[in-house]
Amino acid sequence: MAKLPDPVISNLFIIKRRLAECVDRTTAMEFRLFEQVGETSETLSEFEELQDVEERLMLSYNRLHTLLLKVCQSQPTPSEDMLNLLYQAVEVASATLDASVATLQEIQRDWN
């Protein structure tokens, strides 16, 4: 990974960790909601939204992971296109995190 600057590598791993933590938070919220209220007509949309959030988070995580490995495998250096894809994935993952956290906060407010 010497091909990428240290701040970029650190940022990638920070984002991957935040994505993983947000997946955990999402599934924990889904479990708590199910335990407290159950699956009812009132909670059905929240369960669907939580599953959508989880899928988007996992998609971002997997995309970052795959692209980072591809960059590491690129010899002698990664192409500009590959780096652009990686940087785009970082931006998308950050936006996904922000939107996911907002959705989780909204659901939590609605059911507390």
C-alpha atoms as a PDB file:
ATOM      1  CA  MET A   1       0.000   0.000   0.000  1.00  0.00           C
ATOM      2  CA  ALA A   2       3.013   2.250  -0.296  1.00  0.00           C
ATOM      3  CA  LYS A   3       1.465   3.578  -3.499  1.00  0.00           C
ATOM      4  CA  LEU A   4      -1.148   5.470  -1.514  1.00  0.00           C
ATOM      5  CA  PRO A   5      -0.292   8.305   0.866  1.00  0.00           C
ATOM      6  CA  ASP A   6      -0.591   7.423   4.556  1.00  0.00           C
ATOM      7  CA  PRO A   7      -3.464   9.887   5.170  1.00  0.00           C
ATOM      8  CA  VAL A   8      -5.468   8.234   2.364  1.00  0.00           C
ATOM      9  CA  ILE A   9      -4.862   4.755   3.775  1.00  0.00           C
ATOM     10  CA  SER A  10      -5.756   5.896   7.294  1.00  0.00           C
ATOM     11  CA  ASN A  11      -8.929   7.551   6.033  1.00  0.00           C
ATOM     12  CA  LEU A  12      -9.941   4.374   4.177  1.00  0.00           C
ATOM     13  CA  PHE A  13      -9.622   2.255   7.294  1.00  0.00           C
ATOM     14  CA  ILE A  14     -11.437   4.836   9.408  1.00  0.00           C
ATOM     15  CA  ILE A  15     -14.331   4.860   6.941  1.00  0.00           C
ATOM     16  CA  LYS A  16     -14.398   1.047   6.770  1.00  0.00           C
ATOM     17  CA  ARG A  17     -14.527   0.911  10.568  1.00  0.00           C
ATOM     18  CA  ARG A  18     -17.333   3.491  10.704  1.00  0.00           C
ATOM     19  CA  LEU A  19     -19.276   1.536   8.075  1.00  0.00           C
ATOM     20  CA  ALA A  20     -18.897  -1.671  10.098  1.00  0.00           C
ATOM     21  CA  GLU A  21     -19.952   0.107  13.302  1.00  0.00           C
ATOM     22  CA  CYS A  22     -22.973   1.562  11.548  1.00  0.00           C
ATOM     23  CA  VAL A  23     -23.993  -1.895  10.279  1.00  0.00           C
ATOM     24  CA  ASP A  24     -23.785  -3.096  13.880  1.00  0.00           C
ATOM     25  CA  ARG A  25     -25.849  -0.144  15.084  1.00  0.00           C
ATOM     26  CA  THR A  26     -28.434  -0.754  12.362  1.00  0.00           C
ATOM     27  CA  THR A  27     -28.894  -4.435  13.146  1.00  0.00           C
ATOM     28  CA  ALA A  28     -28.987  -3.708  16.882  1.00  0.00           C
ATOM     29  CA  MET A  29     -31.723  -1.131  16.325  1.00  0.00           C
ATOM     30  CA  GLU A  30     -33.673  -3.593  14.199  1.00  0.00           C
ATOM     31  CA  PHE A  31     -33.394  -6.212  16.944  1.00  0.00           C
ATOM     32  CA  ARG A  32     -34.451  -3.792  19.699  1.00  0.00           C
ATOM     33  CA  LEU A  33     -37.427  -2.569  17.702  1.00  0.00           C
ATOM     34  CA  PHE A  34     -38.515  -6.135  17.040  1.00  0.00           C
ATOM     35  CA  GLU A  35     -38.094  -7.078  20.714  1.00  0.00           C
ATOM     36  CA  GLN A  36     -39.941  -4.005  22.013  1.00  0.00           C
ATOM     37  CA  VAL A  37     -42.747  -3.612  19.479  1.00  0.00           C
ATOM     38  CA  GLY A  38     -42.649  -6.591  17.141  1.00  0.00           C
ATOM     39  CA  GLU A  39     -43.385  -6.661  13.458  1.00  0.00           C
ATOM     40  CA  THR A  40     -46.572  -4.702  13.036  1.00  0.00           C
ATOM     41  CA  SER A  41     -48.106  -2.586  10.329  1.00  0.00           C
ATOM     42  CA  GLU A  42     -46.647   0.447  12.152  1.00  0.00           C
ATOM     43  CA  THR A  43     -43.092  -0.918  12.232  1.00  0.00           C
ATOM     44  CA  LEU A  44     -42.991  -2.571   8.824  1.00  0.00           C
ATOM     45  CA  SER A  45     -41.701   0.541   7.044  1.00  0.00           C
ATOM     46  CA  GLU A  46     -38.980   1.000   9.677  1.00  0.00           C
ATOM     47  CA  PHE A  47     -37.805  -2.583   9.257  1.00  0.00           C
ATOM     48  CA  GLU A  48     -37.642  -2.106   5.496  1.00  0.00           C
ATOM     49  CA  GLU A  49     -35.753   1.147   5.929  1.00  0.00           C
ATOM     50  CA  LEU A  50     -33.294  -0.466   8.350  1.00  0.00           C
ATOM     51  CA  GLN A  51     -32.659  -3.292   5.898  1.00  0.00           C
ATOM     52  CA  ASP A  52     -32.100  -0.765   3.105  1.00  0.00           C
ATOM     53  CA  VAL A  53     -29.635   1.143   5.293  1.00  0.00           C
ATOM     54  CA  GLU A  54     -27.767  -2.057   6.111  1.00  0.00           C
ATOM     55  CA  GLU A  55     -27.553  -3.037   2.433  1.00  0.00           C
ATOM     56  CA  ARG A  56     -26.229   0.380   1.393  1.00  0.00           C
ATOM     57  CA  LEU A  57     -23.626   0.315   4.172  1.00  0.00           C
ATOM     58  CA  MET A  58     -22.463  -3.171   3.248  1.00  0.00           C
ATOM     59  CA  LEU A  59     -22.313  -2.265  -0.435  1.00  0.00           C
ATOM     60  CA  SER A  60     -20.095   0.734   0.359  1.00  0.00           C
ATOM     61  CA  TYR A  61     -17.889  -1.360   2.643  1.00  0.00           C
ATOM     62  CA  ASN A  62     -17.475  -4.111   0.060  1.00  0.00           C
ATOM     63  CA  ARG A  63     -16.767  -1.634  -2.730  1.00  0.00           C
ATOM     64  CA  LEU A  64     -14.053   0.100  -0.689  1.00  0.00           C
ATOM     65  CA  HIS A  65     -12.546  -3.228   0.300  1.00  0.00           C
ATOM     66  CA  THR A  66     -12.478  -4.542  -3.268  1.00  0.00           C
ATOM     67  CA  LEU A  67     -11.063  -1.360  -4.762  1.00  0.00           C
ATOM     68  CA  LEU A  68      -8.364  -1.094  -2.099  1.00  0.00           C
ATOM     69  CA  LEU A  69      -7.257  -4.651  -2.849  1.00  0.00           C
ATOM     70  CA  LYS A  70      -7.228  -3.904  -6.583  1.00  0.00           C
ATOM     71  CA  VAL A  71      -5.045  -0.853  -5.968  1.00  0.00           C
ATOM     72  CA  CYS A  72      -2.690  -2.986  -3.877  1.00  0.00           C
ATOM     73  CA  GLN A  73      -2.455  -5.535  -6.690  1.00  0.00           C
ATOM     74  CA  SER A  74      -1.764  -2.929  -9.368  1.00  0.00           C
ATOM     75  CA  GLN A  75       1.841  -3.091 -10.443  1.00  0.00           C
ATOM     76  CA  PRO A  76       3.976  -1.140 -10.827  1.00  0.00           C
ATOM     77  CA  THR A  77       1.488   1.589  -9.901  1.00  0.00           C
ATOM     78  CA  PRO A  78      -2.311   1.840  -9.935  1.00  0.00           C
ATOM     79  CA  SER A  79      -3.865   3.526 -12.924  1.00  0.00           C
ATOM     80  CA  GLU A  80      -5.380   6.977 -12.615  1.00  0.00           C
ATOM     81  CA  ASP A  81      -8.801   5.452 -13.343  1.00  0.00           C
ATOM     82  CA  MET A  82      -8.389   2.935 -10.505  1.00  0.00           C
ATOM     83  CA  LEU A  83      -7.413   5.701  -8.089  1.00  0.00           C
ATOM     84  CA  ASN A  84     -10.352   7.814  -9.217  1.00  0.00           C
ATOM     85  CA  LEU A  85     -12.709   4.894  -8.573  1.00  0.00           C
ATOM     86  CA  LEU A  86     -11.245   4.470  -5.107  1.00  0.00           C
ATOM     87  CA  TYR A  87     -11.569   8.171  -4.280  1.00  0.00           C
ATOM     88  CA  GLN A  88     -15.141   8.167  -5.597  1.00  0.00           C
ATOM     89  CA  ALA A  89     -15.934   5.158  -3.431  1.00  0.00           C
ATOM     90  CA  VAL A  90     -14.608   7.047  -0.400  1.00  0.00           C
ATOM     91  CA  GLU A  91     -16.906   9.981  -1.169  1.00  0.00           C
ATOM     92  CA  VAL A  92     -19.918   7.716  -1.687  1.00  0.00           C
ATOM     93  CA  ALA A  93     -19.155   5.794   1.513  1.00  0.00           C
ATOM     94  CA  SER A  94     -18.925   9.040   3.499  1.00  0.00           C
ATOM     95  CA  ALA A  95     -22.244  10.242   2.103  1.00  0.00           C
ATOM     96  CA  THR A  96     -23.804   6.843   2.804  1.00  0.00           C
ATOM     97  CA  LEU A  97     -22.594   7.021   6.391  1.00  0.00           C
ATOM     98  CA  ASP A  98     -24.040  10.496   6.887  1.00  0.00           C
ATOM     99  CA  ALA A  99     -27.402   9.509   5.410  1.00  0.00           C
ATOM    100  CA  SER A 100     -27.498   6.267   7.381  1.00  0.00           C
ATOM    101  CA  VAL A 101     -26.775   7.962  10.692  1.00  0.00           C
ATOM    102  CA  ALA A 102     -29.523  10.504   9.990  1.00  0.00           C
ATOM    103  CA  THR A 103     -31.989   7.715   9.181  1.00  0.00           C
ATOM    104  CA  LEU A 104     -31.087   5.808  12.348  1.00  0.00           C
ATOM    105  CA  GLN A 105     -31.511   8.941  14.459  1.00  0.00           C
ATOM    106  CA  GLU A 106     -34.908   9.596  12.904  1.00  0.00           C
ATOM    107  CA  ILE A 107     -36.131   6.048  13.552  1.00  0.00           C
ATOM    108  CA  GLN A 108     -34.802   6.182  17.094  1.00  0.00           C
ATOM    109  CA  ARG A 109     -36.640   9.477  17.731  1.00  0.00           C
ATOM    110  CA  ASP A 110     -39.860   8.041  16.336  1.00  0.00           C
ATOM    111  CA  TRP A 111     -39.801   4.988  18.599  1.00  0.00           C
ATOM    112  CA  ASN A 112     -38.429   6.404  21.858  1.00  0.00           C
END
